[in-house]
Amino acid sequence: MRTFALAIAISLATTASAFAAPPVKTVESEKGPVLAAANGMTLYTYKDDQKGVSACYDQCAKNWPPFMVEGNAMAEGAYSIVERKDGSKQWAKDGMPLYFWVKDKKMGDITGDGVKGEWDVARP
């Protein structure tokens, strides 16, 4: 009986993680708290995007990699999921797709903030 209960608990834990909320956290930067992925890297929004629609592809996406949804994660609260042109899925906050910046190297870096007047750090 104990083994069966343990198996159910493990199954429930696995299922819960498969449908977990977005893997984000708040990190400190020189401009105060910013939104970051679980790896600690700062997330950004792009002013050319519209709510629920990414406008960043090709060279843009090479410089600003989209914050991709992994597995069967589900939207929760302020976080939603945007479908990209290729069918892949990207996280969004308040409807605005989220991205990384290739020149950020460590947790708390915000070197992409204000680039070309089009990129802003995402705030918690």
N, C-alpha and C. Protein backbone atom coordinates (compact mmCIF):
# COMPACT_ATOMS: atom_id res chain seq x y z
N MET A 1 0.82 -1.19 0.00
CA MET A 1 0.00 0.00 0.00
C MET A 1 0.87 1.26 0.00
N ARG A 2 1.92 1.23 0.80
CA ARG A 2 2.82 2.38 0.89
C ARG A 2 3.47 2.66 -0.47
N THR A 3 3.86 1.62 -1.19
CA THR A 3 4.47 1.78 -2.51
C THR A 3 3.48 2.39 -3.49
N PHE A 4 2.21 1.96 -3.42
CA PHE A 4 1.18 2.50 -4.29
C PHE A 4 0.98 3.99 -4.03
N ALA A 5 0.93 4.40 -2.76
CA ALA A 5 0.76 5.81 -2.40
C ALA A 5 1.95 6.63 -2.90
N LEU A 6 3.15 6.09 -2.76
CA LEU A 6 4.34 6.77 -3.24
C LEU A 6 4.29 6.92 -4.76
N ALA A 7 3.85 5.90 -5.46
CA ALA A 7 3.73 5.96 -6.92
C ALA A 7 2.73 7.04 -7.34
N ILE A 8 1.63 7.15 -6.63
CA ILE A 8 0.63 8.18 -6.94
C ILE A 8 1.23 9.57 -6.67
N ALA A 9 1.92 9.74 -5.56
CA ALA A 9 2.53 11.03 -5.24
C ALA A 9 3.54 11.44 -6.31
N ILE A 10 4.37 10.51 -6.76
CA ILE A 10 5.35 10.80 -7.81
C ILE A 10 4.63 11.16 -9.10
N SER A 11 3.60 10.43 -9.44
CA SER A 11 2.83 10.70 -10.64
C SER A 11 2.21 12.10 -10.60
N LEU A 12 1.64 12.47 -9.47
CA LEU A 12 1.04 13.79 -9.33
C LEU A 12 2.09 14.89 -9.43
N ALA A 13 3.23 14.67 -8.82
CA ALA A 13 4.31 15.67 -8.88
C ALA A 13 4.80 15.84 -10.31
N THR A 14 4.94 14.74 -11.03
CA THR A 14 5.38 14.80 -12.42
C THR A 14 4.35 15.53 -13.27
N THR A 15 3.09 15.22 -13.08
CA THR A 15 2.02 15.88 -13.84
C THR A 15 2.00 17.37 -13.53
N ALA A 16 2.13 17.73 -12.27
CA ALA A 16 2.11 19.14 -11.90
C ALA A 16 3.25 19.90 -12.56
N SER A 17 4.44 19.31 -12.61
CA SER A 17 5.56 20.01 -13.23
C SER A 17 5.38 20.13 -14.73
N ALA A 18 4.68 19.19 -15.34
CA ALA A 18 4.45 19.27 -16.78
C ALA A 18 3.54 20.43 -17.13
N PHE A 19 2.71 20.84 -16.19
CA PHE A 19 1.79 21.94 -16.44
C PHE A 19 2.14 23.15 -15.57
N ALA A 20 3.41 23.30 -15.28
CA ALA A 20 3.86 24.36 -14.39
C ALA A 20 3.69 25.74 -15.04
N ALA A 21 3.67 26.74 -14.19
CA ALA A 21 3.62 28.12 -14.64
C ALA A 21 4.93 28.47 -15.34
N PRO A 22 5.00 29.62 -15.97
CA PRO A 22 6.22 30.00 -16.67
C PRO A 22 7.43 29.99 -15.73
N PRO A 23 8.56 29.52 -16.21
CA PRO A 23 9.77 29.46 -15.38
C PRO A 23 10.45 30.82 -15.30
N VAL A 24 9.85 31.74 -14.53
CA VAL A 24 10.38 33.10 -14.40
C VAL A 24 10.65 33.43 -12.94
N LYS A 25 11.48 34.44 -12.75
CA LYS A 25 11.76 34.94 -11.42
C LYS A 25 12.16 36.40 -11.52
N THR A 26 12.28 37.04 -10.40
CA THR A 26 12.73 38.43 -10.36
C THR A 26 14.19 38.44 -9.95
N VAL A 27 15.00 39.22 -10.67
CA VAL A 27 16.41 39.39 -10.31
C VAL A 27 16.69 40.89 -10.19
N GLU A 28 17.70 41.20 -9.44
CA GLU A 28 18.11 42.60 -9.26
C GLU A 28 19.05 43.02 -10.38
N SER A 29 18.86 44.24 -10.88
CA SER A 29 19.75 44.82 -11.88
C SER A 29 20.13 46.21 -11.42
N GLU A 30 20.97 46.89 -12.18
CA GLU A 30 21.34 48.26 -11.82
C GLU A 30 20.16 49.22 -11.90
N LYS A 31 19.09 48.80 -12.56
CA LYS A 31 17.87 49.62 -12.66
C LYS A 31 16.74 49.06 -11.81
N GLY A 32 17.07 48.23 -10.84
CA GLY A 32 16.07 47.66 -9.97
C GLY A 32 15.63 46.28 -10.43
N PRO A 33 14.53 45.76 -9.87
CA PRO A 33 14.10 44.41 -10.18
C PRO A 33 13.61 44.28 -11.63
N VAL A 34 14.03 43.18 -12.27
CA VAL A 34 13.60 42.87 -13.63
C VAL A 34 13.16 41.42 -13.69
N LEU A 35 12.39 41.12 -14.70
CA LEU A 35 11.91 39.75 -14.91
C LEU A 35 13.00 38.96 -15.62
N ALA A 36 13.21 37.73 -15.17
CA ALA A 36 14.22 36.87 -15.76
C ALA A 36 13.68 35.45 -15.89
N ALA A 37 14.28 34.70 -16.79
CA ALA A 37 13.95 33.29 -16.92
C ALA A 37 14.55 32.55 -15.73
N ALA A 38 14.22 31.29 -15.58
CA ALA A 38 14.74 30.48 -14.47
C ALA A 38 16.27 30.48 -14.45
N ASN A 39 16.91 30.65 -15.63
CA ASN A 39 18.37 30.67 -15.70
C ASN A 39 18.96 32.00 -15.23
N GLY A 40 18.10 32.96 -14.84
CA GLY A 40 18.57 34.24 -14.33
C GLY A 40 18.78 35.31 -15.39
N MET A 41 18.61 34.96 -16.66
CA MET A 41 18.84 35.92 -17.73
C MET A 41 17.62 36.82 -17.91
N THR A 42 17.88 38.11 -18.05
CA THR A 42 16.84 39.13 -18.17
C THR A 42 15.97 38.91 -19.40
N LEU A 43 14.70 39.22 -19.24
CA LEU A 43 13.73 39.14 -20.33
C LEU A 43 13.35 40.54 -20.78
N TYR A 44 13.02 40.66 -22.06
CA TYR A 44 12.71 41.95 -22.68
C TYR A 44 11.41 41.88 -23.48
N THR A 45 10.84 43.06 -23.72
CA THR A 45 9.70 43.19 -24.64
C THR A 45 10.13 44.09 -25.79
N TYR A 46 9.45 43.93 -26.92
CA TYR A 46 9.77 44.61 -28.17
C TYR A 46 8.60 45.52 -28.55
N LYS A 47 8.88 46.79 -28.77
CA LYS A 47 7.81 47.76 -29.04
C LYS A 47 7.09 47.51 -30.37
N ASP A 48 7.71 46.80 -31.31
CA ASP A 48 7.05 46.51 -32.58
C ASP A 48 6.06 45.35 -32.48
N ASP A 49 6.10 44.61 -31.37
CA ASP A 49 5.13 43.53 -31.16
C ASP A 49 3.76 44.12 -30.83
N GLN A 50 2.74 43.32 -31.07
CA GLN A 50 1.39 43.64 -30.62
C GLN A 50 1.02 42.57 -29.61
N LYS A 51 0.02 42.85 -28.78
CA LYS A 51 -0.38 41.84 -27.79
C LYS A 51 -0.71 40.54 -28.51
N GLY A 52 -0.05 39.47 -28.07
CA GLY A 52 -0.30 38.14 -28.61
C GLY A 52 0.36 37.84 -29.94
N VAL A 53 1.18 38.77 -30.46
CA VAL A 53 1.80 38.57 -31.77
C VAL A 53 3.26 39.03 -31.73
N SER A 54 4.16 38.12 -32.12
CA SER A 54 5.58 38.46 -32.20
C SER A 54 5.90 39.00 -33.59
N ALA A 55 6.69 40.08 -33.63
CA ALA A 55 7.16 40.65 -34.88
C ALA A 55 8.66 40.40 -35.06
N CYS A 56 9.26 39.61 -34.16
CA CYS A 56 10.71 39.40 -34.17
C CYS A 56 11.05 38.03 -34.74
N TYR A 57 11.55 38.04 -35.98
CA TYR A 57 11.92 36.82 -36.69
C TYR A 57 13.26 37.03 -37.38
N ASP A 58 13.80 35.96 -37.96
CA ASP A 58 15.04 36.00 -38.74
C ASP A 58 16.18 36.62 -37.93
N GLN A 59 16.83 37.67 -38.46
CA GLN A 59 17.98 38.26 -37.76
C GLN A 59 17.57 38.80 -36.39
N CYS A 60 16.39 39.37 -36.32
CA CYS A 60 15.91 39.88 -35.03
C CYS A 60 15.91 38.75 -33.99
N ALA A 61 15.38 37.60 -34.35
CA ALA A 61 15.29 36.48 -33.40
C ALA A 61 16.66 35.88 -33.09
N LYS A 62 17.64 36.10 -33.95
CA LYS A 62 19.00 35.65 -33.63
C LYS A 62 19.60 36.53 -32.54
N ASN A 63 19.35 37.83 -32.63
CA ASN A 63 19.86 38.76 -31.63
C ASN A 63 19.00 38.78 -30.37
N TRP A 64 17.71 38.52 -30.53
CA TRP A 64 16.74 38.56 -29.45
C TRP A 64 16.00 37.23 -29.41
N PRO A 65 16.66 36.16 -28.94
CA PRO A 65 16.00 34.84 -28.93
C PRO A 65 14.71 34.86 -28.14
N PRO A 66 13.63 34.33 -28.72
CA PRO A 66 12.36 34.26 -28.00
C PRO A 66 12.47 33.37 -26.77
N PHE A 67 11.74 33.70 -25.74
CA PHE A 67 11.66 32.90 -24.52
C PHE A 67 10.62 31.81 -24.81
N MET A 68 11.11 30.65 -25.21
CA MET A 68 10.25 29.58 -25.70
C MET A 68 9.60 28.78 -24.58
N VAL A 69 8.40 28.31 -24.87
CA VAL A 69 7.66 27.45 -23.96
C VAL A 69 8.17 26.03 -24.16
N GLU A 70 8.46 25.36 -23.07
CA GLU A 70 8.92 23.97 -23.14
C GLU A 70 7.85 23.04 -22.61
N GLY A 71 7.74 21.89 -23.23
CA GLY A 71 6.81 20.87 -22.76
C GLY A 71 5.36 21.34 -22.88
N ASN A 72 4.56 20.91 -21.93
CA ASN A 72 3.13 21.22 -21.92
C ASN A 72 2.78 22.30 -20.91
N ALA A 73 3.68 23.26 -20.73
CA ALA A 73 3.42 24.33 -19.76
C ALA A 73 2.14 25.06 -20.13
N MET A 74 1.51 25.60 -19.12
CA MET A 74 0.22 26.29 -19.32
C MET A 74 0.35 27.75 -18.88
N ALA A 75 -0.40 28.60 -19.56
CA ALA A 75 -0.44 30.01 -19.20
C ALA A 75 -1.06 30.16 -17.81
N GLU A 76 -0.61 31.19 -17.10
CA GLU A 76 -1.12 31.42 -15.75
C GLU A 76 -0.97 32.88 -15.39
N GLY A 77 -2.03 33.48 -14.85
CA GLY A 77 -1.98 34.86 -14.40
C GLY A 77 -1.66 35.82 -15.54
N ALA A 78 -0.63 36.64 -15.34
CA ALA A 78 -0.23 37.64 -16.34
C ALA A 78 0.50 37.01 -17.52
N TYR A 79 0.82 35.71 -17.41
CA TYR A 79 1.61 35.04 -18.45
C TYR A 79 0.72 34.29 -19.42
N SER A 80 0.98 34.48 -20.69
CA SER A 80 0.23 33.80 -21.74
C SER A 80 1.23 33.17 -22.71
N ILE A 81 0.69 32.45 -23.66
CA ILE A 81 1.52 31.76 -24.65
C ILE A 81 1.15 32.29 -26.04
N VAL A 82 2.16 32.69 -26.78
CA VAL A 82 2.00 33.23 -28.13
C VAL A 82 2.48 32.17 -29.12
N GLU A 83 1.70 31.92 -30.14
CA GLU A 83 2.14 30.98 -31.18
C GLU A 83 2.90 31.76 -32.24
N ARG A 84 4.12 31.28 -32.54
CA ARG A 84 4.95 31.93 -33.56
C ARG A 84 4.58 31.40 -34.95
N LYS A 85 5.07 32.07 -35.98
CA LYS A 85 4.73 31.70 -37.36
C LYS A 85 5.03 30.25 -37.68
N ASP A 86 6.08 29.70 -37.06
CA ASP A 86 6.47 28.32 -37.34
C ASP A 86 5.73 27.31 -36.47
N GLY A 87 4.78 27.79 -35.66
CA GLY A 87 4.01 26.91 -34.80
C GLY A 87 4.61 26.70 -33.42
N SER A 88 5.85 27.17 -33.21
CA SER A 88 6.45 27.05 -31.88
C SER A 88 5.75 28.05 -30.95
N LYS A 89 6.00 27.89 -29.66
CA LYS A 89 5.29 28.71 -28.67
C LYS A 89 6.29 29.50 -27.83
N GLN A 90 5.88 30.74 -27.54
CA GLN A 90 6.72 31.70 -26.83
C GLN A 90 5.94 32.27 -25.66
N TRP A 91 6.63 32.50 -24.54
CA TRP A 91 5.99 33.12 -23.39
C TRP A 91 5.75 34.60 -23.63
N ALA A 92 4.68 35.11 -23.04
CA ALA A 92 4.37 36.54 -23.07
C ALA A 92 3.92 36.96 -21.67
N LYS A 93 4.14 38.22 -21.35
CA LYS A 93 3.64 38.79 -20.09
C LYS A 93 2.72 39.94 -20.46
N ASP A 94 1.54 39.93 -19.91
CA ASP A 94 0.53 40.93 -20.23
C ASP A 94 0.31 41.00 -21.74
N GLY A 95 0.42 39.84 -22.40
CA GLY A 95 0.19 39.75 -23.84
C GLY A 95 1.40 40.05 -24.70
N MET A 96 2.46 40.62 -24.12
CA MET A 96 3.63 41.01 -24.91
C MET A 96 4.69 39.90 -24.87
N PRO A 97 5.08 39.39 -26.06
CA PRO A 97 6.08 38.33 -26.13
C PRO A 97 7.38 38.71 -25.42
N LEU A 98 8.04 37.71 -24.85
CA LEU A 98 9.27 37.91 -24.09
C LEU A 98 10.48 37.35 -24.84
N TYR A 99 11.61 38.04 -24.69
CA TYR A 99 12.84 37.69 -25.40
C TYR A 99 14.05 37.83 -24.49
N PHE A 100 15.14 37.17 -24.90
CA PHE A 100 16.45 37.36 -24.29
C PHE A 100 17.25 38.28 -25.22
N TRP A 101 18.40 38.77 -24.76
CA TRP A 101 19.31 39.58 -25.58
C TRP A 101 20.65 38.87 -25.59
N VAL A 102 21.20 38.62 -26.78
CA VAL A 102 22.41 37.81 -26.89
C VAL A 102 23.63 38.43 -26.21
N LYS A 103 23.61 39.73 -25.97
CA LYS A 103 24.78 40.37 -25.36
C LYS A 103 24.76 40.34 -23.83
N ASP A 104 23.64 39.92 -23.24
CA ASP A 104 23.63 39.73 -21.79
C ASP A 104 24.43 38.46 -21.49
N LYS A 105 25.32 38.53 -20.53
CA LYS A 105 26.19 37.39 -20.24
C LYS A 105 25.96 36.75 -18.87
N LYS A 106 25.42 37.53 -17.93
CA LYS A 106 25.22 36.98 -16.58
C LYS A 106 23.93 37.50 -15.98
N MET A 107 23.51 36.84 -14.92
CA MET A 107 22.29 37.22 -14.22
C MET A 107 22.35 38.70 -13.85
N GLY A 108 21.26 39.40 -14.13
CA GLY A 108 21.18 40.82 -13.80
C GLY A 108 21.65 41.76 -14.89
N ASP A 109 22.31 41.23 -15.93
CA ASP A 109 22.71 42.08 -17.06
C ASP A 109 21.45 42.62 -17.72
N ILE A 110 21.50 43.90 -18.10
CA ILE A 110 20.36 44.53 -18.79
C ILE A 110 20.89 45.36 -19.96
N THR A 111 21.88 44.83 -20.67
CA THR A 111 22.52 45.59 -21.75
C THR A 111 21.58 45.82 -22.94
N GLY A 112 20.47 45.09 -22.99
CA GLY A 112 19.52 45.28 -24.09
C GLY A 112 18.48 46.36 -23.83
N ASP A 113 18.42 46.87 -22.60
CA ASP A 113 17.40 47.85 -22.27
C ASP A 113 17.60 49.13 -23.07
N GLY A 114 16.59 49.50 -23.86
CA GLY A 114 16.65 50.74 -24.64
C GLY A 114 17.31 50.61 -26.00
N VAL A 115 17.76 49.42 -26.40
CA VAL A 115 18.42 49.26 -27.70
C VAL A 115 17.49 49.78 -28.81
N LYS A 116 18.03 50.68 -29.62
CA LYS A 116 17.31 51.30 -30.75
C LYS A 116 15.97 51.92 -30.34
N GLY A 117 15.80 52.16 -29.04
CA GLY A 117 14.56 52.73 -28.55
C GLY A 117 13.37 51.78 -28.70
N GLU A 118 13.65 50.49 -28.97
CA GLU A 118 12.59 49.52 -29.24
C GLU A 118 12.48 48.40 -28.22
N TRP A 119 13.46 48.27 -27.34
CA TRP A 119 13.51 47.14 -26.40
C TRP A 119 13.50 47.65 -24.97
N ASP A 120 12.70 47.00 -24.15
CA ASP A 120 12.59 47.36 -22.73
C ASP A 120 12.73 46.11 -21.88
N VAL A 121 13.37 46.27 -20.71
CA VAL A 121 13.39 45.14 -19.79
C VAL A 121 11.96 44.86 -19.35
N ALA A 122 11.66 43.61 -19.15
CA ALA A 122 10.35 43.21 -18.64
C ALA A 122 10.39 43.38 -17.12
N ARG A 123 9.35 43.95 -16.59
CA ARG A 123 9.27 44.19 -15.14
C ARG A 123 8.33 43.17 -14.50
N PRO A 124 8.68 42.76 -13.27
CA PRO A 124 7.81 41.81 -12.56
C PRO A 124 6.44 42.42 -12.25
